[in-house]
Amino acid sequence: MFTGIIQEVGKVEKIEKSPTGLTLFIESKKAINNKKIGDSIAVNGACLTIVEIKDNTVSFQIIEETLSKTNLKNLEIGSEVNLEPALTLNQGLDGHLVQGHVDCEGIVENFEESTLTIKFPLNIADCLAFKGSITINGVSLTISNLQESTLAVSLIPHTLSSTNLKNLKKGNTVNLEVDLIARYLKNMMEKRDNEAKYEFLKERNLI
């Protein structure tokens, strides 16, 4: 579990591809403090498991499933990534509850005057709300404008200076994770709707 409060912007040092995915090597000074192999760190919002720590470099193995759903597949040597270690029980919740399970990729439609506009897939529309929470590249943000297929967030100077969102340009992809509570509410509502259907009642001999 994470909070969406980025602790450090790391830099990709090396990428090793394999038939099953790739191994990502990232330079980190803060996020790996007191970390060990097997611990979790969110990289651009995707929860990854540490497989090696050597000096100021941490490495992760990423499978094709994760690559297909995130912008990690687009990383290059020198790319900056947002890093957040997993939440601990004695840590305050300054952002919102984030699982590190990226729902989909969005596309930057516009970025000017500190307002970032993202085009999102319609399958997550039911989990979005005006003034609700959204995680973009692992950053906990509040939706300031919501349209049928786009959302906008307003970025304060601190967020711009302490995350990789400042590097975004039109057409870039970003990792999106919807609010955890909204995801479960949607699931509950869909189940309730199914329970009212003829097939559901017939299978249970209720009609």
N, C-alpha and C. Protein backbone atom coordinates (compact mmCIF):
# COMPACT_ATOMS: atom_id res chain seq x y z
N MET A 1 0.84 -1.19 0.00
CA MET A 1 0.00 0.00 0.00
C MET A 1 0.88 1.25 0.00
N PHE A 2 0.40 2.29 -0.69
CA PHE A 2 1.16 3.53 -0.82
C PHE A 2 0.23 4.72 -0.55
N THR A 3 0.81 5.93 -0.58
CA THR A 3 0.02 7.14 -0.32
C THR A 3 -0.04 8.08 -1.51
N GLY A 4 0.81 7.88 -2.50
CA GLY A 4 0.86 8.79 -3.63
C GLY A 4 1.69 10.03 -3.37
N ILE A 5 2.48 9.99 -2.28
CA ILE A 5 3.40 11.09 -1.97
C ILE A 5 4.80 10.64 -2.38
N ILE A 6 5.33 11.22 -3.43
CA ILE A 6 6.60 10.78 -3.98
C ILE A 6 7.75 11.17 -3.06
N GLN A 7 8.62 10.21 -2.77
CA GLN A 7 9.76 10.47 -1.90
C GLN A 7 11.00 10.90 -2.69
N GLU A 8 11.09 10.44 -3.92
CA GLU A 8 12.29 10.74 -4.69
C GLU A 8 12.03 10.53 -6.18
N VAL A 9 12.73 11.31 -6.99
CA VAL A 9 12.74 11.07 -8.43
C VAL A 9 14.05 10.35 -8.76
N GLY A 10 13.92 9.09 -9.20
CA GLY A 10 15.10 8.31 -9.55
C GLY A 10 15.39 8.40 -11.03
N LYS A 11 16.55 7.87 -11.42
CA LYS A 11 16.95 7.91 -12.83
C LYS A 11 17.30 6.51 -13.30
N VAL A 12 16.78 6.14 -14.47
CA VAL A 12 17.05 4.82 -15.04
C VAL A 12 18.52 4.75 -15.48
N GLU A 13 19.25 3.78 -14.92
CA GLU A 13 20.67 3.61 -15.26
C GLU A 13 20.89 2.55 -16.34
N LYS A 14 20.06 1.50 -16.29
CA LYS A 14 20.26 0.40 -17.23
C LYS A 14 18.96 -0.36 -17.39
N ILE A 15 18.77 -0.94 -18.58
CA ILE A 15 17.60 -1.77 -18.87
C ILE A 15 18.09 -3.05 -19.54
N GLU A 16 17.76 -4.18 -18.95
CA GLU A 16 18.13 -5.47 -19.52
C GLU A 16 16.86 -6.20 -19.94
N LYS A 17 16.69 -6.44 -21.22
CA LYS A 17 15.50 -7.12 -21.73
C LYS A 17 15.70 -8.62 -21.70
N SER A 18 14.58 -9.35 -21.53
CA SER A 18 14.59 -10.81 -21.53
C SER A 18 13.33 -11.30 -22.21
N PRO A 19 13.22 -12.60 -22.50
CA PRO A 19 12.02 -13.13 -23.16
C PRO A 19 10.75 -12.93 -22.34
N THR A 20 10.87 -12.79 -21.02
CA THR A 20 9.69 -12.67 -20.15
C THR A 20 9.42 -11.24 -19.69
N GLY A 21 10.26 -10.29 -20.09
CA GLY A 21 10.08 -8.91 -19.66
C GLY A 21 11.37 -8.15 -19.67
N LEU A 22 11.68 -7.48 -18.55
CA LEU A 22 12.95 -6.76 -18.46
C LEU A 22 13.33 -6.54 -17.01
N THR A 23 14.61 -6.24 -16.80
CA THR A 23 15.11 -5.85 -15.49
C THR A 23 15.48 -4.38 -15.56
N LEU A 24 14.96 -3.62 -14.61
CA LEU A 24 15.14 -2.18 -14.59
C LEU A 24 16.07 -1.80 -13.46
N PHE A 25 17.11 -1.04 -13.78
CA PHE A 25 18.08 -0.58 -12.79
C PHE A 25 17.90 0.92 -12.61
N ILE A 26 17.64 1.35 -11.36
CA ILE A 26 17.32 2.74 -11.09
C ILE A 26 18.24 3.30 -10.00
N GLU A 27 18.77 4.48 -10.25
CA GLU A 27 19.57 5.17 -9.24
C GLU A 27 18.65 5.77 -8.19
N SER A 28 18.93 5.48 -6.93
CA SER A 28 18.10 5.98 -5.83
C SER A 28 18.96 6.21 -4.60
N LYS A 29 18.70 7.31 -3.91
CA LYS A 29 19.44 7.61 -2.68
C LYS A 29 18.54 7.61 -1.45
N LYS A 30 17.28 8.03 -1.61
CA LYS A 30 16.36 8.13 -0.48
C LYS A 30 15.41 6.94 -0.36
N ALA A 31 14.79 6.58 -1.48
CA ALA A 31 13.72 5.57 -1.46
C ALA A 31 14.21 4.20 -1.01
N ILE A 32 15.51 3.92 -1.17
CA ILE A 32 16.02 2.59 -0.81
C ILE A 32 16.57 2.53 0.61
N ASN A 33 16.48 3.63 1.35
CA ASN A 33 16.94 3.62 2.74
C ASN A 33 16.20 2.56 3.55
N ASN A 34 16.97 1.71 4.24
CA ASN A 34 16.42 0.65 5.10
C ASN A 34 15.61 -0.38 4.32
N LYS A 35 15.80 -0.44 3.00
CA LYS A 35 15.09 -1.41 2.19
C LYS A 35 15.96 -2.63 1.94
N LYS A 36 15.30 -3.76 1.65
CA LYS A 36 16.02 -5.01 1.38
C LYS A 36 15.35 -5.73 0.22
N ILE A 37 16.01 -6.75 -0.28
CA ILE A 37 15.45 -7.55 -1.36
C ILE A 37 14.10 -8.13 -0.92
N GLY A 38 13.11 -8.02 -1.78
CA GLY A 38 11.77 -8.50 -1.48
C GLY A 38 10.81 -7.40 -1.07
N ASP A 39 11.35 -6.23 -0.68
CA ASP A 39 10.49 -5.09 -0.33
C ASP A 39 9.90 -4.46 -1.60
N SER A 40 8.88 -3.64 -1.40
CA SER A 40 8.18 -3.03 -2.53
C SER A 40 8.44 -1.53 -2.64
N ILE A 41 8.57 -1.06 -3.85
CA ILE A 41 8.66 0.37 -4.16
C ILE A 41 7.77 0.63 -5.37
N ALA A 42 7.00 1.71 -5.31
CA ALA A 42 6.18 2.09 -6.46
C ALA A 42 7.04 2.91 -7.41
N VAL A 43 7.11 2.47 -8.67
CA VAL A 43 7.87 3.15 -9.71
C VAL A 43 6.87 3.71 -10.72
N ASN A 44 6.76 5.03 -10.78
CA ASN A 44 5.71 5.66 -11.61
C ASN A 44 4.33 5.11 -11.26
N GLY A 45 4.16 4.75 -9.99
CA GLY A 45 2.86 4.28 -9.53
C GLY A 45 2.64 2.79 -9.61
N ALA A 46 3.59 2.05 -10.20
CA ALA A 46 3.46 0.60 -10.31
C ALA A 46 4.25 -0.07 -9.19
N CYS A 47 3.59 -0.89 -8.40
CA CYS A 47 4.24 -1.58 -7.29
C CYS A 47 5.19 -2.65 -7.84
N LEU A 48 6.49 -2.51 -7.55
CA LEU A 48 7.50 -3.45 -8.01
C LEU A 48 8.28 -4.00 -6.82
N THR A 49 8.81 -5.20 -6.98
CA THR A 49 9.57 -5.87 -5.92
C THR A 49 11.07 -5.73 -6.16
N ILE A 50 11.78 -5.33 -5.13
CA ILE A 50 13.23 -5.17 -5.23
C ILE A 50 13.89 -6.55 -5.37
N VAL A 51 14.73 -6.71 -6.38
CA VAL A 51 15.45 -7.97 -6.56
C VAL A 51 16.93 -7.83 -6.26
N GLU A 52 17.42 -6.57 -6.23
CA GLU A 52 18.83 -6.35 -5.91
C GLU A 52 19.06 -4.90 -5.51
N ILE A 53 19.92 -4.69 -4.54
CA ILE A 53 20.36 -3.35 -4.15
C ILE A 53 21.88 -3.36 -4.12
N LYS A 54 22.47 -2.45 -4.87
CA LYS A 54 23.92 -2.36 -4.92
C LYS A 54 24.32 -0.90 -4.93
N ASP A 55 24.96 -0.47 -3.85
CA ASP A 55 25.31 0.94 -3.67
C ASP A 55 24.04 1.79 -3.78
N ASN A 56 23.98 2.71 -4.75
CA ASN A 56 22.80 3.56 -4.91
C ASN A 56 21.92 3.13 -6.08
N THR A 57 22.02 1.84 -6.41
CA THR A 57 21.21 1.32 -7.53
C THR A 57 20.30 0.21 -7.04
N VAL A 58 19.04 0.31 -7.38
CA VAL A 58 18.06 -0.72 -7.04
C VAL A 58 17.51 -1.29 -8.34
N SER A 59 17.29 -2.61 -8.36
CA SER A 59 16.80 -3.23 -9.60
C SER A 59 15.50 -3.99 -9.36
N PHE A 60 14.69 -4.04 -10.42
CA PHE A 60 13.38 -4.69 -10.39
C PHE A 60 13.22 -5.53 -11.64
N GLN A 61 12.59 -6.69 -11.50
CA GLN A 61 12.23 -7.50 -12.67
C GLN A 61 10.76 -7.22 -12.99
N ILE A 62 10.48 -6.91 -14.25
CA ILE A 62 9.13 -6.54 -14.67
C ILE A 62 8.65 -7.50 -15.74
N ILE A 63 7.51 -8.13 -15.51
CA ILE A 63 6.98 -9.09 -16.48
C ILE A 63 6.16 -8.38 -17.55
N GLU A 64 5.87 -9.11 -18.63
CA GLU A 64 5.16 -8.54 -19.77
C GLU A 64 3.78 -8.00 -19.38
N GLU A 65 3.10 -8.67 -18.45
CA GLU A 65 1.77 -8.23 -18.01
C GLU A 65 1.83 -6.80 -17.49
N THR A 66 2.83 -6.52 -16.66
CA THR A 66 2.98 -5.17 -16.10
C THR A 66 3.38 -4.18 -17.19
N LEU A 67 4.28 -4.58 -18.06
CA LEU A 67 4.71 -3.70 -19.14
C LEU A 67 3.55 -3.32 -20.06
N SER A 68 2.65 -4.27 -20.31
CA SER A 68 1.55 -4.02 -21.24
C SER A 68 0.56 -3.01 -20.70
N LYS A 69 0.49 -2.84 -19.37
CA LYS A 69 -0.50 -1.97 -18.77
C LYS A 69 0.07 -0.66 -18.24
N THR A 70 1.39 -0.47 -18.34
CA THR A 70 2.01 0.72 -17.78
C THR A 70 2.95 1.38 -18.78
N ASN A 71 3.39 2.59 -18.42
CA ASN A 71 4.34 3.29 -19.28
C ASN A 71 5.78 2.90 -19.00
N LEU A 72 5.99 1.89 -18.15
CA LEU A 72 7.35 1.43 -17.87
C LEU A 72 8.02 0.89 -19.13
N LYS A 73 7.22 0.42 -20.06
CA LYS A 73 7.77 -0.11 -21.32
C LYS A 73 8.41 0.97 -22.17
N ASN A 74 8.08 2.24 -21.89
CA ASN A 74 8.60 3.35 -22.69
C ASN A 74 9.87 3.97 -22.10
N LEU A 75 10.32 3.46 -20.95
CA LEU A 75 11.48 4.06 -20.29
C LEU A 75 12.75 3.85 -21.10
N GLU A 76 13.64 4.82 -21.00
CA GLU A 76 14.94 4.75 -21.66
C GLU A 76 16.03 5.08 -20.64
N ILE A 77 17.28 4.84 -21.00
CA ILE A 77 18.37 5.22 -20.12
C ILE A 77 18.31 6.72 -19.88
N GLY A 78 18.34 7.12 -18.62
CA GLY A 78 18.25 8.53 -18.27
C GLY A 78 16.85 9.00 -17.94
N SER A 79 15.84 8.18 -18.20
CA SER A 79 14.46 8.57 -17.87
C SER A 79 14.31 8.77 -16.37
N GLU A 80 13.53 9.78 -15.98
CA GLU A 80 13.24 10.01 -14.57
C GLU A 80 11.95 9.29 -14.18
N VAL A 81 11.96 8.68 -13.00
CA VAL A 81 10.79 7.94 -12.51
C VAL A 81 10.47 8.36 -11.08
N ASN A 82 9.18 8.39 -10.78
CA ASN A 82 8.74 8.70 -9.42
C ASN A 82 8.87 7.46 -8.54
N LEU A 83 9.46 7.63 -7.35
CA LEU A 83 9.67 6.51 -6.43
C LEU A 83 8.98 6.78 -5.10
N GLU A 84 8.26 5.76 -4.61
CA GLU A 84 7.67 5.82 -3.28
C GLU A 84 7.77 4.45 -2.61
N PRO A 85 8.45 4.36 -1.46
CA PRO A 85 8.48 3.08 -0.73
C PRO A 85 7.09 2.75 -0.19
N ALA A 86 6.87 1.48 0.08
CA ALA A 86 5.57 1.05 0.61
C ALA A 86 5.28 1.71 1.95
N LEU A 87 4.00 1.95 2.21
CA LEU A 87 3.54 2.58 3.44
C LEU A 87 3.83 1.69 4.64
N THR A 88 4.29 2.30 5.74
CA THR A 88 4.50 1.57 6.99
C THR A 88 3.41 1.95 7.98
N LEU A 89 3.19 1.11 9.00
CA LEU A 89 2.09 1.32 9.93
C LEU A 89 2.23 2.58 10.77
N ASN A 90 3.46 3.06 10.96
CA ASN A 90 3.66 4.26 11.77
C ASN A 90 3.76 5.53 10.91
N GLN A 91 3.37 5.42 9.66
CA GLN A 91 3.50 6.54 8.72
C GLN A 91 2.16 7.23 8.53
N GLY A 92 2.19 8.56 8.44
CA GLY A 92 0.96 9.31 8.21
C GLY A 92 0.47 9.16 6.78
N LEU A 93 -0.84 9.29 6.60
CA LEU A 93 -1.44 9.18 5.27
C LEU A 93 -1.69 10.58 4.74
N ASP A 94 -0.70 11.12 4.03
CA ASP A 94 -0.80 12.50 3.56
C ASP A 94 -1.50 12.61 2.20
N GLY A 95 -1.48 11.53 1.41
CA GLY A 95 -2.15 11.56 0.11
C GLY A 95 -3.48 10.84 0.20
N HIS A 96 -3.62 9.72 -0.50
CA HIS A 96 -4.78 8.85 -0.34
C HIS A 96 -4.31 7.42 -0.52
N LEU A 97 -5.14 6.46 -0.18
CA LEU A 97 -4.74 5.06 -0.25
C LEU A 97 -4.53 4.63 -1.70
N VAL A 98 -3.32 4.18 -1.99
CA VAL A 98 -2.93 3.78 -3.34
C VAL A 98 -2.39 2.36 -3.28
N GLN A 99 -2.86 1.50 -4.16
CA GLN A 99 -2.42 0.10 -4.16
C GLN A 99 -1.14 -0.14 -4.96
N GLY A 100 -0.87 0.74 -5.89
CA GLY A 100 0.26 0.48 -6.78
C GLY A 100 -0.11 -0.47 -7.90
N HIS A 101 -1.42 -0.64 -8.12
CA HIS A 101 -1.93 -1.47 -9.21
C HIS A 101 -2.48 -0.54 -10.29
N VAL A 102 -1.68 -0.28 -11.30
CA VAL A 102 -2.06 0.66 -12.35
C VAL A 102 -3.27 0.12 -13.11
N ASP A 103 -4.30 0.94 -13.25
CA ASP A 103 -5.51 0.52 -13.96
C ASP A 103 -5.33 0.62 -15.47
N CYS A 104 -4.64 1.65 -15.92
CA CYS A 104 -4.50 1.87 -17.36
C CYS A 104 -3.52 3.00 -17.61
N GLU A 105 -3.27 3.25 -18.87
CA GLU A 105 -2.46 4.39 -19.27
C GLU A 105 -3.38 5.50 -19.79
N GLY A 106 -3.01 6.73 -19.48
CA GLY A 106 -3.68 7.89 -20.05
C GLY A 106 -2.72 8.61 -20.97
N ILE A 107 -3.24 9.53 -21.76
CA ILE A 107 -2.42 10.28 -22.70
C ILE A 107 -2.53 11.77 -22.39
N VAL A 108 -1.37 12.43 -22.30
CA VAL A 108 -1.36 13.87 -22.05
C VAL A 108 -1.96 14.60 -23.24
N GLU A 109 -3.04 15.32 -22.97
CA GLU A 109 -3.71 16.07 -24.05
C GLU A 109 -3.25 17.53 -24.06
N ASN A 110 -2.95 18.05 -22.86
CA ASN A 110 -2.51 19.44 -22.77
C ASN A 110 -1.81 19.66 -21.43
N PHE A 111 -0.83 20.54 -21.41
CA PHE A 111 -0.12 20.85 -20.17
C PHE A 111 0.37 22.29 -20.26
N GLU A 112 -0.36 23.18 -19.62
CA GLU A 112 0.02 24.58 -19.62
C GLU A 112 -0.50 25.27 -18.38
N GLU A 113 0.28 26.26 -17.92
CA GLU A 113 -0.07 27.03 -16.72
C GLU A 113 -0.37 26.12 -15.54
N SER A 114 0.45 25.09 -15.37
CA SER A 114 0.37 24.16 -14.23
C SER A 114 -0.90 23.31 -14.23
N THR A 115 -1.65 23.32 -15.32
CA THR A 115 -2.83 22.46 -15.43
C THR A 115 -2.53 21.33 -16.42
N LEU A 116 -2.63 20.12 -15.92
CA LEU A 116 -2.34 18.93 -16.72
C LEU A 116 -3.66 18.26 -17.11
N THR A 117 -3.89 18.10 -18.40
CA THR A 117 -5.11 17.47 -18.90
C THR A 117 -4.77 16.13 -19.51
N ILE A 118 -5.47 15.10 -19.05
CA ILE A 118 -5.21 13.71 -19.46
C ILE A 118 -6.45 13.11 -20.12
N LYS A 119 -6.25 12.46 -21.25
CA LYS A 119 -7.32 11.69 -21.88
C LYS A 119 -7.26 10.27 -21.31
N PHE A 120 -8.39 9.78 -20.80
CA PHE A 120 -8.41 8.48 -20.14
C PHE A 120 -9.32 7.50 -20.87
N PRO A 121 -9.08 6.19 -20.74
CA PRO A 121 -9.97 5.19 -21.33
C PRO A 121 -11.36 5.25 -20.67
N LEU A 122 -12.39 5.06 -21.44
CA LEU A 122 -13.75 5.21 -20.92
C LEU A 122 -14.11 4.14 -19.89
N ASN A 123 -13.36 3.03 -19.84
CA ASN A 123 -13.71 1.98 -18.88
C ASN A 123 -13.43 2.37 -17.42
N ILE A 124 -12.72 3.48 -17.18
CA ILE A 124 -12.50 3.92 -15.80
C ILE A 124 -13.37 5.12 -15.45
N ALA A 125 -14.21 5.56 -16.38
CA ALA A 125 -15.01 6.77 -16.17
C ALA A 125 -15.89 6.69 -14.93
N ASP A 126 -16.45 5.52 -14.65
CA ASP A 126 -17.34 5.36 -13.50
C ASP A 126 -16.62 5.47 -12.16
N CYS A 127 -15.28 5.44 -12.18
CA CYS A 127 -14.51 5.53 -10.94
C CYS A 127 -13.92 6.92 -10.72
N LEU A 128 -14.28 7.87 -11.58
CA LEU A 128 -13.75 9.22 -11.48
C LEU A 128 -14.83 10.18 -11.03
N ALA A 129 -14.42 11.19 -10.26
CA ALA A 129 -15.37 12.19 -9.79
C ALA A 129 -14.68 13.54 -9.66
N PHE A 130 -15.42 14.61 -9.93
CA PHE A 130 -14.91 15.96 -9.74
C PHE A 130 -14.52 16.14 -8.28
N LYS A 131 -13.31 16.61 -8.03
CA LYS A 131 -12.72 16.78 -6.70
C LYS A 131 -12.36 15.45 -6.05
N GLY A 132 -12.48 14.35 -6.81
CA GLY A 132 -12.06 13.04 -6.30
C GLY A 132 -10.57 12.84 -6.52
N SER A 133 -10.06 11.72 -6.00
CA SER A 133 -8.63 11.43 -6.09
C SER A 133 -8.29 10.60 -7.32
N ILE A 134 -7.10 10.84 -7.85
CA ILE A 134 -6.56 10.08 -8.97
C ILE A 134 -5.04 10.00 -8.76
N THR A 135 -4.46 8.89 -9.14
CA THR A 135 -3.01 8.77 -9.07
C THR A 135 -2.44 8.80 -10.48
N ILE A 136 -1.54 9.76 -10.73
CA ILE A 136 -0.92 9.91 -12.05
C ILE A 136 0.58 9.71 -11.89
N ASN A 137 1.12 8.68 -12.54
CA ASN A 137 2.53 8.32 -12.38
C ASN A 137 2.92 8.19 -10.91
N GLY A 138 1.97 7.70 -10.12
CA GLY A 138 2.24 7.47 -8.71
C GLY A 138 1.99 8.66 -7.81
N VAL A 139 1.57 9.80 -8.37
CA VAL A 139 1.35 11.02 -7.60
C VAL A 139 -0.12 11.17 -7.24
N SER A 140 -0.40 11.34 -5.96
CA SER A 140 -1.77 11.54 -5.49
C SER A 140 -2.23 12.95 -5.84
N LEU A 141 -3.31 13.05 -6.64
CA LEU A 141 -3.79 14.35 -7.10
C LEU A 141 -5.30 14.44 -7.01
N THR A 142 -5.81 15.65 -7.05
CA THR A 142 -7.25 15.90 -7.01
C THR A 142 -7.73 16.35 -8.38
N ILE A 143 -8.80 15.73 -8.86
CA ILE A 143 -9.36 16.08 -10.17
C ILE A 143 -10.03 17.46 -10.08
N SER A 144 -9.53 18.41 -10.85
CA SER A 144 -10.06 19.77 -10.81
C SER A 144 -11.05 20.04 -11.94
N ASN A 145 -11.05 19.17 -12.94
CA ASN A 145 -12.01 19.30 -14.04
C ASN A 145 -12.22 17.91 -14.63
N LEU A 146 -13.46 17.56 -14.89
CA LEU A 146 -13.77 16.23 -15.41
C LEU A 146 -14.75 16.34 -16.56
N GLN A 147 -14.35 15.83 -17.72
CA GLN A 147 -15.20 15.79 -18.90
C GLN A 147 -15.44 14.32 -19.28
N GLU A 148 -16.13 14.10 -20.38
CA GLU A 148 -16.51 12.75 -20.77
C GLU A 148 -15.31 11.82 -20.93
N SER A 149 -14.23 12.31 -21.49
CA SER A 149 -13.07 11.44 -21.71
C SER A 149 -11.75 12.07 -21.28
N THR A 150 -11.82 13.23 -20.60
CA THR A 150 -10.60 13.87 -20.12
C THR A 150 -10.77 14.32 -18.67
N LEU A 151 -9.66 14.38 -17.98
CA LEU A 151 -9.64 14.92 -16.62
C LEU A 151 -8.47 15.89 -16.53
N ALA A 152 -8.59 16.85 -15.63
CA ALA A 152 -7.52 17.81 -15.43
C ALA A 152 -7.15 17.88 -13.96
N VAL A 153 -5.88 18.11 -13.69
CA VAL A 153 -5.39 18.31 -12.32
C VAL A 153 -4.54 19.57 -12.31
N SER A 154 -4.58 20.29 -11.20
CA SER A 154 -3.77 21.49 -11.04
C SER A 154 -2.56 21.16 -10.19
N LEU A 155 -1.38 21.49 -10.69
CA LEU A 155 -0.14 21.12 -10.03
C LEU A 155 0.51 22.33 -9.36
N ILE A 156 0.76 22.21 -8.07
CA ILE A 156 1.44 23.29 -7.36
C ILE A 156 2.93 23.20 -7.64
N PRO A 157 3.68 24.29 -7.42
CA PRO A 157 5.12 24.29 -7.69
C PRO A 157 5.88 23.16 -6.99
N HIS A 158 5.49 22.82 -5.77
CA HIS A 158 6.19 21.75 -5.05
C HIS A 158 6.04 20.42 -5.77
N THR A 159 4.84 20.13 -6.25
CA THR A 159 4.61 18.88 -6.98
C THR A 159 5.43 18.85 -8.26
N LEU A 160 5.49 19.96 -8.95
CA LEU A 160 6.27 20.02 -10.19
C LEU A 160 7.75 19.80 -9.93
N SER A 161 8.26 20.39 -8.85
CA SER A 161 9.69 20.31 -8.58
C SER A 161 10.11 18.96 -8.00
N SER A 162 9.16 18.22 -7.38
CA SER A 162 9.54 16.99 -6.68
C SER A 162 9.06 15.72 -7.36
N THR A 163 8.53 15.83 -8.59
CA THR A 163 8.08 14.65 -9.33
C THR A 163 8.51 14.77 -10.79
N ASN A 164 8.28 13.71 -11.56
CA ASN A 164 8.62 13.76 -12.98
C ASN A 164 7.50 14.31 -13.85
N LEU A 165 6.42 14.77 -13.21
CA LEU A 165 5.31 15.32 -13.99
C LEU A 165 5.73 16.57 -14.76
N LYS A 166 6.74 17.26 -14.26
CA LYS A 166 7.21 18.48 -14.94
C LYS A 166 7.77 18.18 -16.33
N ASN A 167 8.14 16.93 -16.58
CA ASN A 167 8.74 16.57 -17.87
C ASN A 167 7.71 16.21 -18.94
N LEU A 168 6.44 16.15 -18.56
CA LEU A 168 5.42 15.66 -19.48
C LEU A 168 5.17 16.62 -20.64
N LYS A 169 4.90 16.03 -21.79
CA LYS A 169 4.55 16.79 -22.98
C LYS A 169 3.33 16.15 -23.65
N LYS A 170 2.68 16.89 -24.50
CA LYS A 170 1.51 16.39 -25.19
C LYS A 170 1.85 15.09 -25.93
N GLY A 171 0.99 14.09 -25.74
CA GLY A 171 1.19 12.79 -26.38
C GLY A 171 1.89 11.78 -25.51
N ASN A 172 2.53 12.23 -24.41
CA ASN A 172 3.17 11.29 -23.48
C ASN A 172 2.11 10.43 -22.78
N THR A 173 2.49 9.22 -22.39
CA THR A 173 1.58 8.36 -21.64
C THR A 173 1.90 8.44 -20.15
N VAL A 174 0.88 8.30 -19.32
CA VAL A 174 1.02 8.31 -17.87
C VAL A 174 0.26 7.13 -17.28
N ASN A 175 0.73 6.65 -16.15
CA ASN A 175 0.04 5.57 -15.45
C ASN A 175 -1.08 6.15 -14.60
N LEU A 176 -2.26 5.54 -14.69
CA LEU A 176 -3.42 6.00 -13.93
C LEU A 176 -3.90 4.90 -12.98
N GLU A 177 -4.15 5.27 -11.74
CA GLU A 177 -4.81 4.37 -10.80
C GLU A 177 -5.97 5.12 -10.16
N VAL A 178 -7.16 4.56 -10.27
CA VAL A 178 -8.34 5.22 -9.73
C VAL A 178 -8.37 5.07 -8.21
N ASP A 179 -9.22 5.85 -7.58
CA ASP A 179 -9.37 5.81 -6.13
C ASP A 179 -9.82 4.42 -5.69
N LEU A 180 -9.18 3.92 -4.65
CA LEU A 180 -9.45 2.57 -4.15
C LEU A 180 -10.91 2.39 -3.75
N ILE A 181 -11.46 3.35 -3.03
CA ILE A 181 -12.85 3.26 -2.57
C ILE A 181 -13.81 3.27 -3.75
N ALA A 182 -13.51 4.13 -4.74
CA ALA A 182 -14.37 4.21 -5.93
C ALA A 182 -14.39 2.88 -6.68
N ARG A 183 -13.24 2.21 -6.74
CA ARG A 183 -13.15 0.93 -7.44
C ARG A 183 -14.05 -0.11 -6.77
N TYR A 184 -14.03 -0.17 -5.44
CA TYR A 184 -14.84 -1.16 -4.74
C TYR A 184 -16.33 -0.81 -4.79
N LEU A 185 -16.63 0.48 -4.73
CA LEU A 185 -18.04 0.88 -4.85
C LEU A 185 -18.60 0.51 -6.21
N LYS A 186 -17.81 0.70 -7.26
CA LYS A 186 -18.25 0.33 -8.60
C LYS A 186 -18.52 -1.17 -8.67
N ASN A 187 -17.63 -1.95 -8.09
CA ASN A 187 -17.79 -3.41 -8.09
C ASN A 187 -19.05 -3.83 -7.35
N MET A 188 -19.32 -3.19 -6.21
CA MET A 188 -20.51 -3.51 -5.42
C MET A 188 -21.78 -3.15 -6.18
N MET A 189 -21.76 -1.99 -6.85
CA MET A 189 -22.94 -1.56 -7.60
C MET A 189 -23.21 -2.49 -8.78
N GLU A 190 -22.15 -2.94 -9.45
CA GLU A 190 -22.33 -3.86 -10.57
C GLU A 190 -22.91 -5.19 -10.10
N LYS A 191 -22.45 -5.68 -8.94
CA LYS A 191 -23.00 -6.92 -8.40
C LYS A 191 -24.46 -6.75 -8.03
N ARG A 192 -24.80 -5.60 -7.47
CA ARG A 192 -26.19 -5.35 -7.08
C ARG A 192 -27.08 -5.32 -8.32
N ASP A 193 -26.59 -4.68 -9.38
CA ASP A 193 -27.36 -4.62 -10.62
C ASP A 193 -27.58 -6.02 -11.20
N ASN A 194 -26.53 -6.86 -11.11
CA ASN A 194 -26.64 -8.23 -11.63
C ASN A 194 -27.66 -9.05 -10.86
N GLU A 195 -27.77 -8.77 -9.55
CA GLU A 195 -28.69 -9.53 -8.72
C GLU A 195 -30.15 -9.28 -9.08
N ALA A 196 -30.39 -8.19 -9.77
CA ALA A 196 -31.77 -7.86 -10.16
C ALA A 196 -32.14 -8.43 -11.53
N LYS A 197 -31.17 -9.05 -12.18
CA LYS A 197 -31.42 -9.57 -13.52
C LYS A 197 -32.14 -10.92 -13.48
N TYR A 198 -32.91 -11.18 -14.51
CA TYR A 198 -33.70 -12.41 -14.58
C TYR A 198 -32.81 -13.65 -14.46
N GLU A 199 -31.67 -13.66 -15.17
CA GLU A 199 -30.80 -14.84 -15.16
C GLU A 199 -30.29 -15.16 -13.76
N PHE A 200 -29.93 -14.12 -13.00
CA PHE A 200 -29.43 -14.30 -11.64
C PHE A 200 -30.50 -14.93 -10.75
N LEU A 201 -31.72 -14.40 -10.83
CA LEU A 201 -32.82 -14.91 -10.00
C LEU A 201 -33.22 -16.32 -10.41
N LYS A 202 -33.21 -16.61 -11.72
CA LYS A 202 -33.59 -17.91 -12.23
C LYS A 202 -32.62 -19.00 -11.78
N GLU A 203 -31.33 -18.69 -11.81
CA GLU A 203 -30.30 -19.66 -11.42
C GLU A 203 -30.44 -20.05 -9.94
N ARG A 204 -30.99 -19.16 -9.13
CA ARG A 204 -31.12 -19.41 -7.71
C ARG A 204 -32.53 -19.82 -7.31
N ASN A 205 -33.34 -20.19 -8.32
CA ASN A 205 -34.72 -20.65 -8.10
C ASN A 205 -35.56 -19.64 -7.32
N LEU A 206 -35.25 -18.37 -7.57
CA LEU A 206 -36.00 -17.31 -6.88
C LEU A 206 -37.22 -16.88 -7.69
N ILE A 207 -37.26 -17.33 -8.96
CA ILE A 207 -38.44 -17.07 -9.78
C ILE A 207 -38.77 -18.33 -10.58
